[in-house]
Structure formats: C-alpha cells, structure tokens
C-alpha cells in the first residue's frame, strides 16, 4: 500500500479565478486538493499514452 504525503504547493490565481474555482468546487461537492490531484494525474496519464 502506498503512503500519501502532504506537500504544500503554491498556485497563483487572481481573486476572480479563485472565486470561480471556489464556487465550482462547492457546486460539485469537490475537495480542491483532491480535484487538482486527479486532474494532474489524468494529464500525466494522457501524456504517457501519447508517448507509447
């Protein structure tokens, strides 16, 4: 079983962008950190498939 480790990342966004992101996450019932992790891993998987 893999162990998870919490890391701090800095994301630069405007106030308007943060409002949009916050509203979206609330509407969809998403946890921002988990959502960003899933998006990143999905993009990595796409790139790996293109390489193969």
N, C-alpha and C. Protein backbone atom coordinates (compact mmCIF):
# COMPACT_ATOMS: atom_id res chain seq x y z
N UNK A 1 0.84 -1.18 0.00
CA UNK A 1 0.00 0.00 0.00
C UNK A 1 0.88 1.24 0.00
N UNK A 2 0.57 2.18 -0.90
CA UNK A 2 1.35 3.40 -0.99
C UNK A 2 0.99 4.35 0.14
N UNK A 3 1.99 5.03 0.63
CA UNK A 3 1.75 6.03 1.67
C UNK A 3 1.57 7.38 1.00
N UNK A 4 0.67 8.16 1.51
CA UNK A 4 0.46 9.51 0.98
C UNK A 4 1.18 10.51 1.86
N UNK A 5 1.74 11.51 1.22
CA UNK A 5 2.44 12.56 1.94
C UNK A 5 1.86 13.89 1.50
N UNK A 6 1.60 14.75 2.44
CA UNK A 6 1.05 16.07 2.14
C UNK A 6 2.20 17.02 1.80
N UNK A 7 2.04 17.74 0.69
CA UNK A 7 3.02 18.75 0.32
C UNK A 7 2.28 20.06 0.10
N UNK A 8 2.94 21.16 0.32
CA UNK A 8 2.35 22.47 0.09
C UNK A 8 2.75 22.95 -1.30
N UNK A 9 1.78 23.34 -2.08
CA UNK A 9 2.02 23.88 -3.41
C UNK A 9 1.47 25.29 -3.48
N UNK A 10 2.13 26.13 -4.22
CA UNK A 10 1.65 27.49 -4.40
C UNK A 10 1.01 27.59 -5.78
N UNK A 11 -0.21 28.06 -5.83
CA UNK A 11 -0.92 28.25 -7.09
C UNK A 11 -1.28 29.73 -7.19
N UNK A 12 -0.81 30.36 -8.25
CA UNK A 12 -1.10 31.78 -8.42
C UNK A 12 -2.36 31.94 -9.26
N UNK A 13 -3.35 32.59 -8.67
CA UNK A 13 -4.61 32.86 -9.35
C UNK A 13 -5.08 34.26 -8.96
N UNK A 14 -5.91 34.82 -9.80
CA UNK A 14 -6.50 36.12 -9.47
C UNK A 14 -7.65 35.90 -8.49
N UNK A 15 -8.11 36.97 -7.91
CA UNK A 15 -9.24 36.88 -6.99
C UNK A 15 -10.47 36.34 -7.72
N UNK A 16 -10.69 36.82 -8.94
CA UNK A 16 -11.84 36.35 -9.72
C UNK A 16 -11.74 34.85 -10.03
N UNK A 17 -10.53 34.41 -10.39
CA UNK A 17 -10.32 32.99 -10.68
C UNK A 17 -10.58 32.15 -9.43
N UNK A 18 -10.11 32.62 -8.28
CA UNK A 18 -10.31 31.86 -7.04
C UNK A 18 -11.79 31.77 -6.69
N UNK A 19 -12.52 32.85 -6.94
CA UNK A 19 -13.97 32.82 -6.69
C UNK A 19 -14.64 31.78 -7.57
N UNK A 20 -14.27 31.75 -8.86
CA UNK A 20 -14.85 30.77 -9.79
C UNK A 20 -14.52 29.35 -9.35
N UNK A 21 -13.26 29.12 -8.98
CA UNK A 21 -12.83 27.79 -8.53
C UNK A 21 -13.58 27.38 -7.27
N UNK A 22 -13.69 28.30 -6.32
CA UNK A 22 -14.41 28.02 -5.08
C UNK A 22 -15.87 27.68 -5.32
N UNK A 23 -16.52 28.47 -6.18
CA UNK A 23 -17.93 28.23 -6.49
C UNK A 23 -18.10 26.86 -7.16
N UNK A 24 -17.22 26.57 -8.11
CA UNK A 24 -17.29 25.29 -8.82
C UNK A 24 -17.15 24.11 -7.85
N UNK A 25 -16.16 24.19 -6.98
CA UNK A 25 -15.93 23.11 -6.03
C UNK A 25 -17.12 22.93 -5.09
N UNK A 26 -17.70 24.03 -4.62
CA UNK A 26 -18.87 23.94 -3.74
C UNK A 26 -20.06 23.32 -4.48
N UNK A 27 -20.30 23.77 -5.72
CA UNK A 27 -21.42 23.25 -6.50
C UNK A 27 -21.28 21.75 -6.76
N UNK A 28 -20.06 21.31 -7.04
CA UNK A 28 -19.81 19.91 -7.38
C UNK A 28 -19.50 19.06 -6.15
N UNK A 29 -19.37 19.68 -4.98
CA UNK A 29 -19.03 18.94 -3.77
C UNK A 29 -17.61 18.39 -3.80
N UNK A 30 -16.70 19.16 -4.41
CA UNK A 30 -15.32 18.71 -4.58
C UNK A 30 -14.40 19.29 -3.52
N UNK A 31 -13.42 18.50 -3.15
CA UNK A 31 -12.33 18.99 -2.32
C UNK A 31 -11.28 19.48 -3.30
N UNK A 32 -10.86 20.75 -3.20
CA UNK A 32 -9.96 21.35 -4.17
C UNK A 32 -8.67 20.54 -4.35
N UNK A 33 -8.05 20.14 -3.25
CA UNK A 33 -6.78 19.41 -3.33
C UNK A 33 -6.95 18.08 -4.06
N UNK A 34 -7.99 17.34 -3.72
CA UNK A 34 -8.23 16.05 -4.37
C UNK A 34 -8.54 16.24 -5.85
N UNK A 35 -9.31 17.27 -6.17
CA UNK A 35 -9.67 17.57 -7.55
C UNK A 35 -8.44 17.90 -8.38
N UNK A 36 -7.55 18.74 -7.84
CA UNK A 36 -6.33 19.11 -8.55
C UNK A 36 -5.42 17.89 -8.74
N UNK A 37 -5.35 17.04 -7.73
CA UNK A 37 -4.54 15.82 -7.82
C UNK A 37 -5.06 14.94 -8.95
N UNK A 38 -6.38 14.73 -9.00
CA UNK A 38 -6.98 13.91 -10.04
C UNK A 38 -6.72 14.50 -11.42
N UNK A 39 -6.86 15.82 -11.56
CA UNK A 39 -6.60 16.46 -12.85
C UNK A 39 -5.16 16.27 -13.29
N UNK A 40 -4.24 16.48 -12.37
CA UNK A 40 -2.82 16.33 -12.70
C UNK A 40 -2.49 14.90 -13.11
N UNK A 41 -2.97 13.93 -12.34
CA UNK A 41 -2.68 12.53 -12.66
C UNK A 41 -3.31 12.12 -14.00
N UNK A 42 -4.48 12.66 -14.30
CA UNK A 42 -5.15 12.38 -15.58
C UNK A 42 -4.32 12.92 -16.75
N UNK A 43 -3.80 14.13 -16.59
CA UNK A 43 -2.97 14.74 -17.64
C UNK A 43 -1.67 13.96 -17.83
N UNK A 44 -1.07 13.52 -16.74
CA UNK A 44 0.16 12.72 -16.82
C UNK A 44 -0.12 11.41 -17.57
N UNK A 45 -1.24 10.76 -17.26
CA UNK A 45 -1.61 9.51 -17.92
C UNK A 45 -1.81 9.73 -19.41
N UNK A 46 -2.45 10.85 -19.80
CA UNK A 46 -2.64 11.17 -21.22
C UNK A 46 -1.30 11.32 -21.92
N UNK A 47 -0.38 12.05 -21.31
CA UNK A 47 0.94 12.24 -21.90
C UNK A 47 1.70 10.93 -22.04
N UNK A 48 1.58 10.07 -21.04
CA UNK A 48 2.25 8.76 -21.10
C UNK A 48 1.68 7.89 -22.22
N UNK A 49 0.34 7.98 -22.43
CA UNK A 49 -0.28 7.22 -23.50
C UNK A 49 0.19 7.72 -24.86
N UNK A 50 0.35 9.02 -25.00
CA UNK A 50 0.82 9.60 -26.27
C UNK A 50 2.24 9.15 -26.58
N UNK A 51 3.07 9.01 -25.53
CA UNK A 51 4.45 8.57 -25.73
C UNK A 51 4.52 7.13 -26.20
N UNK A 52 3.56 6.31 -25.73
CA UNK A 52 3.58 4.87 -26.05
C UNK A 52 2.79 4.60 -27.28
